[in-house]
């Protein structure tokens, strides 16, 4: 059976819509990137057949009955537009009857920047593809070359422009902590991505997986993965940056699953990585206001009722840290939006 998953999309911690994801591992990838082991990342071992796509769509349509207009079909995992053309069309044909009026809202695909052109985009539009995510990873050509990506930053700019010309939603995916990448390189990549005005962004901290070139570099002492603490610091800054640019971060960290954890060697993997980053944002915002009060002054921190656990932090780490300076209580306030914090003395 084809590997599939119904995945809620993320926006400031709230579900906006869902993707019915069908994974196409490695098929169509012309390169073996240094970090990549899609079978460990997606859990999928074999590429789906058209019949399996139909079965996934039928099952998902039943499960999402009444919510189909908030649901997209999504072909993820490989480079969808680089796979053999006949096979690509057969998958799209299988999905087509389930999309449109009374069906799913459209089809979402992920692919490489150098596998996009006008001919491909014309085909995709005919099959109701209304969102394309490009695996950018970095906007630094040195980093791209070091990680065997096989494309350049200019390929990203060209492909992004074409997708927008065809009025297809643009999503861009970046990675942090890649081999030969610095903290500044990652910040510069985020800025370059924002300048292309995507609708959505995914941020993936680099994880070292078994069976990859990166694993060999790590075992030889030539690559040092970013620590979880440093990755949370960096990615919380990136999350704030993209939110300020009104760009939705729809994924932050790899999806937690058994196959990924089995192949894990090193790097900043955490099953609730986004929550760690959001908690760090709340801590930073609270500290700015708490520091304006004298030490030992009892304080109350108000946040959106849905954000109480993030303000407290995992295992109440934020609250415990703040309590070293002041007696602190956290209370809900319906008037506050996500990531908004108000601190008052008791």
C-alpha atoms as a PDB file:
ATOM      1  CA  UNK A   1       0.000   0.000   0.000  1.00  0.00           C
ATOM      2  CA  UNK A   2       1.221   3.517  -0.754  1.00  0.00           C
ATOM      3  CA  UNK A   3       2.578   5.374   2.251  1.00  0.00           C
ATOM      4  CA  UNK A   4       0.196   8.229   3.060  1.00  0.00           C
ATOM      5  CA  UNK A   5      -0.598  10.492   5.961  1.00  0.00           C
ATOM      6  CA  UNK A   6      -3.172  13.154   6.761  1.00  0.00           C
ATOM      7  CA  UNK A   7      -1.076  15.977   8.144  1.00  0.00           C
ATOM      8  CA  UNK A   8      -2.544  19.134   9.713  1.00  0.00           C
ATOM      9  CA  UNK A   9      -0.846  22.257   8.373  1.00  0.00           C
ATOM     10  CA  UNK A  10       0.675  24.559  10.984  1.00  0.00           C
ATOM     11  CA  UNK A  11       0.124  28.258  11.472  1.00  0.00           C
ATOM     12  CA  UNK A  12       1.094  29.775  14.799  1.00  0.00           C
ATOM     13  CA  UNK A  13       0.283  26.463  16.414  1.00  0.00           C
ATOM     14  CA  UNK A  14      -3.267  26.261  15.028  1.00  0.00           C
ATOM     15  CA  UNK A  15      -4.691  23.944  12.389  1.00  0.00           C
ATOM     16  CA  UNK A  16      -5.699  25.818   9.240  1.00  0.00           C
ATOM     17  CA  UNK A  17      -6.017  22.982   6.725  1.00  0.00           C
ATOM     18  CA  UNK A  18      -4.715  19.480   6.142  1.00  0.00           C
ATOM     19  CA  UNK A  19      -2.669  17.714   3.501  1.00  0.00           C
ATOM     20  CA  UNK A  20      -3.325  14.132   2.449  1.00  0.00           C
ATOM     21  CA  UNK A  21       0.321  13.336   1.802  1.00  0.00           C
ATOM     22  CA  UNK A  22       1.381  10.596  -0.610  1.00  0.00           C
ATOM     23  CA  UNK A  23       5.116   9.916  -0.457  1.00  0.00           C
ATOM     24  CA  UNK A  24       7.190   9.239  -3.559  1.00  0.00           C
ATOM     25  CA  UNK A  25      10.606   8.437  -2.047  1.00  0.00           C
ATOM     26  CA  UNK A  26      13.696   9.343  -4.118  1.00  0.00           C
ATOM     27  CA  UNK A  27      11.903   8.851  -7.446  1.00  0.00           C
ATOM     28  CA  UNK A  28      12.952  11.638  -9.789  1.00  0.00           C
ATOM     29  CA  UNK A  29      15.914  12.838  -7.743  1.00  0.00           C
ATOM     30  CA  UNK A  30      18.894  13.245 -10.095  1.00  0.00           C
ATOM     31  CA  UNK A  31      21.269  13.778  -7.170  1.00  0.00           C
ATOM     32  CA  UNK A  32      22.013  12.049  -3.900  1.00  0.00           C
ATOM     33  CA  UNK A  33      22.212  15.048  -1.587  1.00  0.00           C
ATOM     34  CA  UNK A  34      24.615  14.753   1.327  1.00  0.00           C
ATOM     35  CA  UNK A  35      21.867  14.692   3.955  1.00  0.00           C
ATOM     36  CA  UNK A  36      19.166  12.718   2.192  1.00  0.00           C
ATOM     37  CA  UNK A  37      17.661   9.349   3.041  1.00  0.00           C
ATOM     38  CA  UNK A  38      14.022   9.850   2.048  1.00  0.00           C
ATOM     39  CA  UNK A  39      13.016   6.343   3.075  1.00  0.00           C
ATOM     40  CA  UNK A  40      14.011   7.113   6.653  1.00  0.00           C
ATOM     41  CA  UNK A  41      12.454  10.592   6.533  1.00  0.00           C
ATOM     42  CA  UNK A  42       9.115   9.589   5.006  1.00  0.00           C
ATOM     43  CA  UNK A  43       8.903   5.967   6.138  1.00  0.00           C
ATOM     44  CA  UNK A  44       8.005   4.997   2.559  1.00  0.00           C
ATOM     45  CA  UNK A  45       9.974   2.196   0.909  1.00  0.00           C
ATOM     46  CA  UNK A  46       8.328   1.995  -2.517  1.00  0.00           C
ATOM     47  CA  UNK A  47       6.877   4.506  -4.959  1.00  0.00           C
ATOM     48  CA  UNK A  48       3.056   4.396  -5.185  1.00  0.00           C
ATOM     49  CA  UNK A  49       1.127   3.001  -8.130  1.00  0.00           C
ATOM     50  CA  UNK A  50      -1.810   4.914  -9.712  1.00  0.00           C
ATOM     51  CA  UNK A  51      -4.205   2.350  -8.193  1.00  0.00           C
ATOM     52  CA  UNK A  52      -2.741   2.949  -4.746  1.00  0.00           C
ATOM     53  CA  UNK A  53      -3.160   6.710  -5.245  1.00  0.00           C
ATOM     54  CA  UNK A  54      -6.852   6.152  -6.025  1.00  0.00           C
ATOM     55  CA  UNK A  55      -7.255   4.030  -2.905  1.00  0.00           C
ATOM     56  CA  UNK A  56      -5.564   6.670  -0.733  1.00  0.00           C
ATOM     57  CA  UNK A  57      -7.815   9.374  -2.208  1.00  0.00           C
ATOM     58  CA  UNK A  58     -10.973   7.327  -1.648  1.00  0.00           C
ATOM     59  CA  UNK A  59     -10.074   6.575   1.950  1.00  0.00           C
ATOM     60  CA  UNK A  60      -9.058  10.170   2.669  1.00  0.00           C
ATOM     61  CA  UNK A  61     -12.266  11.493   1.101  1.00  0.00           C
ATOM     62  CA  UNK A  62     -14.240   9.366   3.549  1.00  0.00           C
ATOM     63  CA  UNK A  63     -12.149  10.424   6.548  1.00  0.00           C
ATOM     64  CA  UNK A  64     -12.282  14.115   5.587  1.00  0.00           C
ATOM     65  CA  UNK A  65     -15.952  14.129   4.591  1.00  0.00           C
ATOM     66  CA  UNK A  66     -17.301  17.651   5.055  1.00  0.00           C
ATOM     67  CA  UNK A  67     -13.771  19.073   5.212  1.00  0.00           C
ATOM     68  CA  UNK A  68     -12.553  18.435   1.673  1.00  0.00           C
ATOM     69  CA  UNK A  69     -12.460  22.127   0.756  1.00  0.00           C
ATOM     70  CA  UNK A  70      -9.867  22.567   3.505  1.00  0.00           C
ATOM     71  CA  UNK A  71      -7.802  19.602   2.314  1.00  0.00           C
ATOM     72  CA  UNK A  72      -5.153  19.240  -0.398  1.00  0.00           C
ATOM     73  CA  UNK A  73      -3.681  16.115  -1.924  1.00  0.00           C
ATOM     74  CA  UNK A  74       0.096  16.329  -1.682  1.00  0.00           C
ATOM     75  CA  UNK A  75       2.837  14.408  -3.491  1.00  0.00           C
ATOM     76  CA  UNK A  76       5.887  14.709  -1.242  1.00  0.00           C
ATOM     77  CA  UNK A  77       9.173  12.915  -0.737  1.00  0.00           C
ATOM     78  CA  UNK A  78      10.920  13.009  -4.116  1.00  0.00           C
ATOM     79  CA  UNK A  79      11.226  15.547  -6.918  1.00  0.00           C
ATOM     80  CA  UNK A  80       7.785  15.141  -8.437  1.00  0.00           C
ATOM     81  CA  UNK A  81       8.360  17.024 -11.705  1.00  0.00           C
ATOM     82  CA  UNK A  82      11.671  15.216 -12.326  1.00  0.00           C
ATOM     83  CA  UNK A  83      10.182  11.723 -12.338  1.00  0.00           C
ATOM     84  CA  UNK A  84       9.545   9.907 -15.615  1.00  0.00           C
ATOM     85  CA  UNK A  85       6.853  11.914 -17.411  1.00  0.00           C
ATOM     86  CA  UNK A  86       4.475   9.014 -18.056  1.00  0.00           C
ATOM     87  CA  UNK A  87       4.609   7.943 -14.414  1.00  0.00           C
ATOM     88  CA  UNK A  88       4.040  11.501 -13.209  1.00  0.00           C
ATOM     89  CA  UNK A  89       0.997  11.849 -15.469  1.00  0.00           C
ATOM     90  CA  UNK A  90      -0.391   8.504 -14.309  1.00  0.00           C
ATOM     91  CA  UNK A  91      -0.313   9.673 -10.680  1.00  0.00           C
ATOM     92  CA  UNK A  92      -1.973  12.966 -11.568  1.00  0.00           C
ATOM     93  CA  UNK A  93      -4.627  11.154 -13.641  1.00  0.00           C
ATOM     94  CA  UNK A  94      -5.373   8.903 -10.679  1.00  0.00           C
ATOM     95  CA  UNK A  95      -5.833  11.900  -8.383  1.00  0.00           C
ATOM     96  CA  UNK A  96      -7.712  14.158 -10.832  1.00  0.00           C
ATOM     97  CA  UNK A  97     -11.263  12.769 -10.280  1.00  0.00           C
ATOM     98  CA  UNK A  98     -11.007  13.535  -6.564  1.00  0.00           C
ATOM     99  CA  UNK A  99     -10.074  17.218  -7.020  1.00  0.00           C
ATOM    100  CA  UNK A 100     -12.297  20.182  -7.807  1.00  0.00           C
ATOM    101  CA  UNK A 101     -15.982  20.758  -7.195  1.00  0.00           C
ATOM    102  CA  UNK A 102     -17.134  18.666  -4.217  1.00  0.00           C
ATOM    103  CA  UNK A 103     -13.608  17.260  -3.941  1.00  0.00           C
ATOM    104  CA  UNK A 104     -10.238  18.212  -2.538  1.00  0.00           C
ATOM    105  CA  UNK A 105      -9.141  21.836  -2.795  1.00  0.00           C
ATOM    106  CA  UNK A 106      -6.249  21.018  -5.108  1.00  0.00           C
ATOM    107  CA  UNK A 107      -2.940  19.204  -5.416  1.00  0.00           C
ATOM    108  CA  UNK A 108       0.292  20.213  -3.718  1.00  0.00           C
ATOM    109  CA  UNK A 109       3.675  18.922  -4.861  1.00  0.00           C
ATOM    110  CA  UNK A 110       7.290  19.252  -3.794  1.00  0.00           C
ATOM    111  CA  UNK A 111      10.107  19.346  -6.325  1.00  0.00           C
ATOM    112  CA  UNK A 112      13.531  20.741  -7.211  1.00  0.00           C
ATOM    113  CA  UNK A 113      14.112  24.288  -8.492  1.00  0.00           C
ATOM    114  CA  UNK A 114      15.855  22.964 -11.610  1.00  0.00           C
ATOM    115  CA  UNK A 115      12.875  20.712 -12.457  1.00  0.00           C
ATOM    116  CA  UNK A 116      10.489  23.588 -13.178  1.00  0.00           C
ATOM    117  CA  UNK A 117       9.795  25.120 -16.579  1.00  0.00           C
ATOM    118  CA  UNK A 118       6.833  26.551 -18.505  1.00  0.00           C
ATOM    119  CA  UNK A 119       5.898  23.214 -20.112  1.00  0.00           C
ATOM    120  CA  UNK A 120       5.771  21.440 -16.752  1.00  0.00           C
ATOM    121  CA  UNK A 121       3.795  24.246 -15.141  1.00  0.00           C
ATOM    122  CA  UNK A 122       1.239  24.157 -17.970  1.00  0.00           C
ATOM    123  CA  UNK A 123       0.720  20.425 -17.356  1.00  0.00           C
ATOM    124  CA  UNK A 124       0.449  20.885 -13.607  1.00  0.00           C
ATOM    125  CA  UNK A 125      -2.203  23.609 -13.965  1.00  0.00           C
ATOM    126  CA  UNK A 126      -4.299  21.249 -16.105  1.00  0.00           C
ATOM    127  CA  UNK A 127      -4.291  18.720 -13.271  1.00  0.00           C
ATOM    128  CA  UNK A 128      -5.348  21.206 -10.552  1.00  0.00           C
ATOM    129  CA  UNK A 129      -1.922  21.584  -8.972  1.00  0.00           C
ATOM    130  CA  UNK A 130      -2.338  24.831  -7.053  1.00  0.00           C
ATOM    131  CA  UNK A 131       0.693  24.783  -4.755  1.00  0.00           C
ATOM    132  CA  UNK A 132       4.335  23.965  -5.456  1.00  0.00           C
ATOM    133  CA  UNK A 133       7.019  23.712  -2.801  1.00  0.00           C
ATOM    134  CA  UNK A 134      10.629  24.008  -3.911  1.00  0.00           C
ATOM    135  CA  UNK A 135      13.406  22.311  -1.992  1.00  0.00           C
ATOM    136  CA  UNK A 136      15.715  25.312  -1.723  1.00  0.00           C
ATOM    137  CA  UNK A 137      17.719  24.191   1.347  1.00  0.00           C
ATOM    138  CA  UNK A 138      20.226  27.067   0.990  1.00  0.00           C
ATOM    139  CA  UNK A 139      20.629  30.229  -1.068  1.00  0.00           C
ATOM    140  CA  UNK A 140      24.411  29.989  -0.817  1.00  0.00           C
ATOM    141  CA  UNK A 141      26.018  28.368  -3.884  1.00  0.00           C
ATOM    142  CA  UNK A 142      29.015  27.183  -1.873  1.00  0.00           C
ATOM    143  CA  UNK A 143      26.739  25.355   0.565  1.00  0.00           C
ATOM    144  CA  UNK A 144      24.622  23.911  -2.250  1.00  0.00           C
ATOM    145  CA  UNK A 145      27.727  22.559  -4.003  1.00  0.00           C
ATOM    146  CA  UNK A 146      29.166  21.122  -0.777  1.00  0.00           C
ATOM    147  CA  UNK A 147      25.929  19.218  -0.172  1.00  0.00           C
ATOM    148  CA  UNK A 148      25.620  17.941  -3.785  1.00  0.00           C
ATOM    149  CA  UNK A 149      22.323  19.684  -4.432  1.00  0.00           C
ATOM    150  CA  UNK A 150      22.940  20.003  -8.169  1.00  0.00           C
ATOM    151  CA  UNK A 151      21.280  23.418  -8.528  1.00  0.00           C
ATOM    152  CA  UNK A 152      22.162  27.034  -7.784  1.00  0.00           C
ATOM    153  CA  UNK A 153      20.507  29.873  -5.922  1.00  0.00           C
ATOM    154  CA  UNK A 154      19.708  31.475  -9.283  1.00  0.00           C
ATOM    155  CA  UNK A 155      17.754  28.332 -10.238  1.00  0.00           C
ATOM    156  CA  UNK A 156      15.585  29.015  -7.183  1.00  0.00           C
ATOM    157  CA  UNK A 157      14.961  32.626  -8.203  1.00  0.00           C
ATOM    158  CA  UNK A 158      14.061  31.591 -11.760  1.00  0.00           C
ATOM    159  CA  UNK A 159      11.725  28.754 -10.705  1.00  0.00           C
ATOM    160  CA  UNK A 160      10.004  30.842  -8.018  1.00  0.00           C
ATOM    161  CA  UNK A 161       9.294  33.593 -10.533  1.00  0.00           C
ATOM    162  CA  UNK A 162       7.821  31.150 -13.060  1.00  0.00           C
ATOM    163  CA  UNK A 163       5.549  29.533 -10.463  1.00  0.00           C
ATOM    164  CA  UNK A 164       4.208  32.922  -9.444  1.00  0.00           C
ATOM    165  CA  UNK A 165       3.706  33.934 -13.093  1.00  0.00           C
ATOM    166  CA  UNK A 166       1.466  30.869 -13.458  1.00  0.00           C
ATOM    167  CA  UNK A 167      -0.457  32.019 -10.353  1.00  0.00           C
ATOM    168  CA  UNK A 168       0.393  28.873  -8.426  1.00  0.00           C
ATOM    169  CA  UNK A 169       0.995  29.167  -4.688  1.00  0.00           C
ATOM    170  CA  UNK A 170       4.719  29.180  -3.938  1.00  0.00           C
ATOM    171  CA  UNK A 171       6.250  27.374  -0.981  1.00  0.00           C
ATOM    172  CA  UNK A 172       9.959  27.285  -0.204  1.00  0.00           C
ATOM    173  CA  UNK A 173      11.812  24.814   2.017  1.00  0.00           C
ATOM    174  CA  UNK A 174      15.097  25.634   3.766  1.00  0.00           C
ATOM    175  CA  UNK A 175      17.496  23.699   5.978  1.00  0.00           C
ATOM    176  CA  UNK A 176      19.606  24.950   8.857  1.00  0.00           C
ATOM    177  CA  UNK A 177      22.970  23.595   9.982  1.00  0.00           C
ATOM    178  CA  UNK A 178      23.960  22.038   6.651  1.00  0.00           C
ATOM    179  CA  UNK A 179      27.509  20.874   5.988  1.00  0.00           C
ATOM    180  CA  UNK A 180      29.713  23.950   5.340  1.00  0.00           C
ATOM    181  CA  UNK A 181      26.892  26.337   6.300  1.00  0.00           C
ATOM    182  CA  UNK A 182      27.281  28.940   9.042  1.00  0.00           C
ATOM    183  CA  UNK A 183      24.712  30.626  11.278  1.00  0.00           C
ATOM    184  CA  UNK A 184      25.033  33.739   9.073  1.00  0.00           C
ATOM    185  CA  UNK A 185      24.531  31.639   5.917  1.00  0.00           C
ATOM    186  CA  UNK A 186      21.259  30.335   7.354  1.00  0.00           C
ATOM    187  CA  UNK A 187      20.064  33.838   8.268  1.00  0.00           C
ATOM    188  CA  UNK A 188      21.006  35.089   4.799  1.00  0.00           C
ATOM    189  CA  UNK A 189      19.114  32.183   3.222  1.00  0.00           C
ATOM    190  CA  UNK A 190      15.981  33.132   5.175  1.00  0.00           C
ATOM    191  CA  UNK A 191      16.295  36.736   3.992  1.00  0.00           C
ATOM    192  CA  UNK A 192      16.790  35.668   0.377  1.00  0.00           C
ATOM    193  CA  UNK A 193      13.769  33.357   0.612  1.00  0.00           C
ATOM    194  CA  UNK A 194      11.591  36.112   2.071  1.00  0.00           C
ATOM    195  CA  UNK A 195      12.620  38.393  -0.814  1.00  0.00           C
ATOM    196  CA  UNK A 196      10.961  35.908  -3.203  1.00  0.00           C
ATOM    197  CA  UNK A 197       7.611  36.405  -1.401  1.00  0.00           C
ATOM    198  CA  UNK A 198       6.519  32.776  -0.931  1.00  0.00           C
ATOM    199  CA  UNK A 199       3.155  32.041   0.654  1.00  0.00           C
ATOM    200  CA  UNK A 200       4.634  29.332   2.856  1.00  0.00           C
ATOM    201  CA  UNK A 201       7.988  28.170   4.227  1.00  0.00           C
ATOM    202  CA  UNK A 202       9.201  24.950   5.815  1.00  0.00           C
ATOM    203  CA  UNK A 203      12.292  24.978   8.040  1.00  0.00           C
ATOM    204  CA  UNK A 204      14.166  21.732   8.586  1.00  0.00           C
ATOM    205  CA  UNK A 205      17.156  21.528  10.944  1.00  0.00           C
ATOM    206  CA  UNK A 206      19.725  19.179   9.386  1.00  0.00           C
ATOM    207  CA  UNK A 207      19.634  15.712  10.938  1.00  0.00           C
ATOM    208  CA  UNK A 208      22.404  13.170  10.303  1.00  0.00           C
ATOM    209  CA  UNK A 209      20.830   9.916   9.137  1.00  0.00           C
ATOM    210  CA  UNK A 210      22.323   6.493   8.510  1.00  0.00           C
ATOM    211  CA  UNK A 211      23.235   5.755   4.912  1.00  0.00           C
ATOM    212  CA  UNK A 212      24.008   9.332   3.897  1.00  0.00           C
ATOM    213  CA  UNK A 213      27.178  11.144   2.848  1.00  0.00           C
ATOM    214  CA  UNK A 214      26.628  13.367   5.862  1.00  0.00           C
ATOM    215  CA  UNK A 215      26.829  10.322   8.129  1.00  0.00           C
ATOM    216  CA  UNK A 216      30.255   9.488   6.677  1.00  0.00           C
ATOM    217  CA  UNK A 217      31.450  13.083   7.158  1.00  0.00           C
ATOM    218  CA  UNK A 218      30.170  13.015  10.741  1.00  0.00           C
ATOM    219  CA  UNK A 219      31.848   9.706  11.522  1.00  0.00           C
ATOM    220  CA  UNK A 220      35.128  11.048  10.069  1.00  0.00           C
ATOM    221  CA  UNK A 221      34.891  14.133  12.268  1.00  0.00           C
ATOM    222  CA  UNK A 222      34.489  16.426   9.248  1.00  0.00           C
ATOM    223  CA  UNK A 223      30.951  17.565  10.089  1.00  0.00           C
ATOM    224  CA  UNK A 224      29.686  18.760  13.459  1.00  0.00           C
ATOM    225  CA  UNK A 225      25.874  18.869  13.685  1.00  0.00           C
ATOM    226  CA  UNK A 226      24.270  21.874  15.323  1.00  0.00           C
ATOM    227  CA  UNK A 227      23.266  21.264  18.937  1.00  0.00           C
ATOM    228  CA  UNK A 228      19.588  21.181  19.871  1.00  0.00           C
ATOM    229  CA  UNK A 229      20.001  24.342  21.960  1.00  0.00           C
ATOM    230  CA  UNK A 230      21.652  26.300  19.137  1.00  0.00           C
ATOM    231  CA  UNK A 231      19.123  25.013  16.630  1.00  0.00           C
ATOM    232  CA  UNK A 232      16.206  26.136  18.821  1.00  0.00           C
ATOM    233  CA  UNK A 233      17.806  29.589  19.183  1.00  0.00           C
ATOM    234  CA  UNK A 234      18.315  29.944  15.436  1.00  0.00           C
ATOM    235  CA  UNK A 235      14.984  28.502  14.333  1.00  0.00           C
ATOM    236  CA  UNK A 236      12.985  30.538  16.851  1.00  0.00           C
ATOM    237  CA  UNK A 237      14.599  33.653  15.348  1.00  0.00           C
ATOM    238  CA  UNK A 238      13.728  32.441  11.838  1.00  0.00           C
ATOM    239  CA  UNK A 239      10.148  31.678  12.880  1.00  0.00           C
ATOM    240  CA  UNK A 240       9.764  35.193  14.263  1.00  0.00           C
ATOM    241  CA  UNK A 241      11.335  36.666  11.126  1.00  0.00           C
ATOM    242  CA  UNK A 242       8.985  34.882   8.724  1.00  0.00           C
ATOM    243  CA  UNK A 243       5.938  35.687  10.864  1.00  0.00           C
ATOM    244  CA  UNK A 244       6.918  39.365  10.748  1.00  0.00           C
ATOM    245  CA  UNK A 245       7.120  39.069   6.946  1.00  0.00           C
ATOM    246  CA  UNK A 246       3.599  37.542   6.921  1.00  0.00           C
ATOM    247  CA  UNK A 247       4.976  34.277   5.526  1.00  0.00           C
ATOM    248  CA  UNK A 248       3.406  31.144   7.011  1.00  0.00           C
ATOM    249  CA  UNK A 249       5.844  28.629   8.482  1.00  0.00           C
ATOM    250  CA  UNK A 250       3.837  25.471   7.867  1.00  0.00           C
ATOM    251  CA  UNK A 251       6.469  23.069   9.164  1.00  0.00           C
ATOM    252  CA  UNK A 252       9.313  23.510  11.616  1.00  0.00           C
ATOM    253  CA  UNK A 253      11.320  20.324  12.218  1.00  0.00           C
ATOM    254  CA  UNK A 254      10.933  16.868  10.741  1.00  0.00           C
ATOM    255  CA  UNK A 255       7.733  14.931  11.325  1.00  0.00           C
ATOM    256  CA  UNK A 256       8.211  12.551  14.252  1.00  0.00           C
ATOM    257  CA  UNK A 257       8.014   8.896  13.239  1.00  0.00           C
ATOM    258  CA  UNK A 258       9.606   5.561  14.039  1.00  0.00           C
ATOM    259  CA  UNK A 259      11.551   5.166  10.765  1.00  0.00           C
ATOM    260  CA  UNK A 260      13.264   8.524  11.274  1.00  0.00           C
ATOM    261  CA  UNK A 261      14.184   7.784  14.866  1.00  0.00           C
ATOM    262  CA  UNK A 262      15.574   4.379  13.844  1.00  0.00           C
ATOM    263  CA  UNK A 263      17.881   6.007  11.265  1.00  0.00           C
ATOM    264  CA  UNK A 264      18.957   8.892  13.495  1.00  0.00           C
ATOM    265  CA  UNK A 265      22.680   9.325  14.163  1.00  0.00           C
ATOM    266  CA  UNK A 266      23.109  12.911  15.329  1.00  0.00           C
ATOM    267  CA  UNK A 267      21.731  16.427  15.123  1.00  0.00           C
ATOM    268  CA  UNK A 268      18.958  18.582  16.619  1.00  0.00           C
ATOM    269  CA  UNK A 269      16.050  16.183  16.335  1.00  0.00           C
ATOM    270  CA  UNK A 270      13.160  16.537  18.770  1.00  0.00           C
ATOM    271  CA  UNK A 271       9.606  15.218  18.254  1.00  0.00           C
ATOM    272  CA  UNK A 272       8.175  18.577  19.408  1.00  0.00           C
ATOM    273  CA  UNK A 273      10.782  20.840  17.832  1.00  0.00           C
ATOM    274  CA  UNK A 274       8.328  23.575  16.819  1.00  0.00           C
ATOM    275  CA  UNK A 275       6.936  23.748  20.337  1.00  0.00           C
ATOM    276  CA  UNK A 276      10.470  24.248  21.673  1.00  0.00           C
ATOM    277  CA  UNK A 277      10.985  27.149  19.255  1.00  0.00           C
ATOM    278  CA  UNK A 278       7.651  28.749  20.043  1.00  0.00           C
ATOM    279  CA  UNK A 279       8.355  28.409  23.744  1.00  0.00           C
ATOM    280  CA  UNK A 280      11.668  30.188  23.213  1.00  0.00           C
ATOM    281  CA  UNK A 281       9.882  33.100  21.512  1.00  0.00           C
ATOM    282  CA  UNK A 282       7.542  33.437  24.488  1.00  0.00           C
ATOM    283  CA  UNK A 283      10.476  33.358  26.897  1.00  0.00           C
ATOM    284  CA  UNK A 284      12.298  36.127  24.994  1.00  0.00           C
ATOM    285  CA  UNK A 285       9.208  38.326  24.928  1.00  0.00           C
ATOM    286  CA  UNK A 286       8.469  37.741  28.600  1.00  0.00           C
ATOM    287  CA  UNK A 287      12.065  38.482  29.629  1.00  0.00           C
ATOM    288  CA  UNK A 288      11.980  41.863  27.896  1.00  0.00           C
ATOM    289  CA  UNK A 289       9.068  42.944  30.077  1.00  0.00           C
ATOM    290  CA  UNK A 290      10.041  41.122  33.280  1.00  0.00           C
ATOM    291  CA  UNK A 291      13.425  42.892  33.293  1.00  0.00           C
ATOM    292  CA  UNK A 292      11.624  46.228  33.661  1.00  0.00           C
ATOM    293  CA  UNK A 293      10.391  45.236  37.152  1.00  0.00           C
ATOM    294  CA  UNK A 294      12.581  45.004  40.282  1.00  0.00           C
ATOM    295  CA  UNK A 295      13.774  41.541  41.234  1.00  0.00           C
ATOM    296  CA  UNK A 296      11.509  39.633  43.657  1.00  0.00           C
ATOM    297  CA  UNK A 297       8.451  41.622  42.501  1.00  0.00           C
ATOM    298  CA  UNK A 298       5.520  39.182  42.091  1.00  0.00           C
ATOM    299  CA  UNK A 299       4.416  39.216  38.446  1.00  0.00           C
ATOM    300  CA  UNK A 300       1.621  37.818  36.287  1.00  0.00           C
ATOM    301  CA  UNK A 301       2.235  36.941  32.644  1.00  0.00           C
ATOM    302  CA  UNK A 302      -0.841  37.017  30.408  1.00  0.00           C
ATOM    303  CA  UNK A 303      -1.048  35.141  27.075  1.00  0.00           C
ATOM    304  CA  UNK A 304      -3.626  33.737  24.683  1.00  0.00           C
ATOM    305  CA  UNK A 305      -5.433  30.872  26.521  1.00  0.00           C
ATOM    306  CA  UNK A 306      -4.303  28.417  23.833  1.00  0.00           C
ATOM    307  CA  UNK A 307      -0.667  29.397  24.368  1.00  0.00           C
ATOM    308  CA  UNK A 308      -0.346  28.770  28.121  1.00  0.00           C
ATOM    309  CA  UNK A 309       1.738  25.612  27.741  1.00  0.00           C
ATOM    310  CA  UNK A 310       4.130  27.325  25.326  1.00  0.00           C
ATOM    311  CA  UNK A 311       4.628  30.207  27.727  1.00  0.00           C
ATOM    312  CA  UNK A 312       5.359  27.732  30.511  1.00  0.00           C
ATOM    313  CA  UNK A 313       7.740  25.830  28.224  1.00  0.00           C
ATOM    314  CA  UNK A 314       8.371  22.104  27.994  1.00  0.00           C
ATOM    315  CA  UNK A 315       8.466  20.632  31.493  1.00  0.00           C
ATOM    316  CA  UNK A 316       7.761  24.222  32.658  1.00  0.00           C
ATOM    317  CA  UNK A 317      11.343  25.228  31.781  1.00  0.00           C
ATOM    318  CA  UNK A 318      10.401  28.846  30.906  1.00  0.00           C
ATOM    319  CA  UNK A 319       8.433  29.307  34.112  1.00  0.00           C
ATOM    320  CA  UNK A 320      11.209  27.810  36.220  1.00  0.00           C
ATOM    321  CA  UNK A 321      13.790  30.055  34.566  1.00  0.00           C
ATOM    322  CA  UNK A 322      11.707  33.206  35.120  1.00  0.00           C
ATOM    323  CA  UNK A 323      11.046  32.245  38.751  1.00  0.00           C
ATOM    324  CA  UNK A 324      14.759  32.518  39.507  1.00  0.00           C
ATOM    325  CA  UNK A 325      14.285  36.304  39.333  1.00  0.00           C
ATOM    326  CA  UNK A 326      10.642  36.928  40.234  1.00  0.00           C
ATOM    327  CA  UNK A 327       7.628  35.057  41.615  1.00  0.00           C
ATOM    328  CA  UNK A 328       5.651  34.352  38.437  1.00  0.00           C
ATOM    329  CA  UNK A 329       2.149  33.205  37.548  1.00  0.00           C
ATOM    330  CA  UNK A 330       0.830  32.640  34.011  1.00  0.00           C
ATOM    331  CA  UNK A 331      -2.793  33.482  33.264  1.00  0.00           C
ATOM    332  CA  UNK A 332      -4.976  33.479  30.118  1.00  0.00           C
ATOM    333  CA  UNK A 333      -6.239  36.611  28.380  1.00  0.00           C
ATOM    334  CA  UNK A 334      -8.693  36.197  25.501  1.00  0.00           C
ATOM    335  CA  UNK A 335      -7.779  39.604  24.082  1.00  0.00           C
ATOM    336  CA  UNK A 336      -4.213  38.544  23.280  1.00  0.00           C
ATOM    337  CA  UNK A 337      -3.146  36.912  20.021  1.00  0.00           C
ATOM    338  CA  UNK A 338      -0.514  34.211  19.595  1.00  0.00           C
ATOM    339  CA  UNK A 339       3.013  35.363  20.474  1.00  0.00           C
ATOM    340  CA  UNK A 340       1.670  38.388  22.379  1.00  0.00           C
ATOM    341  CA  UNK A 341       2.728  38.695  26.038  1.00  0.00           C
ATOM    342  CA  UNK A 342       1.670  41.155  28.762  1.00  0.00           C
ATOM    343  CA  UNK A 343       3.397  41.305  32.142  1.00  0.00           C
ATOM    344  CA  UNK A 344       1.896  43.054  35.182  1.00  0.00           C
ATOM    345  CA  UNK A 345       2.870  43.305  38.822  1.00  0.00           C
ATOM    346  CA  UNK A 346       0.506  41.567  41.228  1.00  0.00           C
END
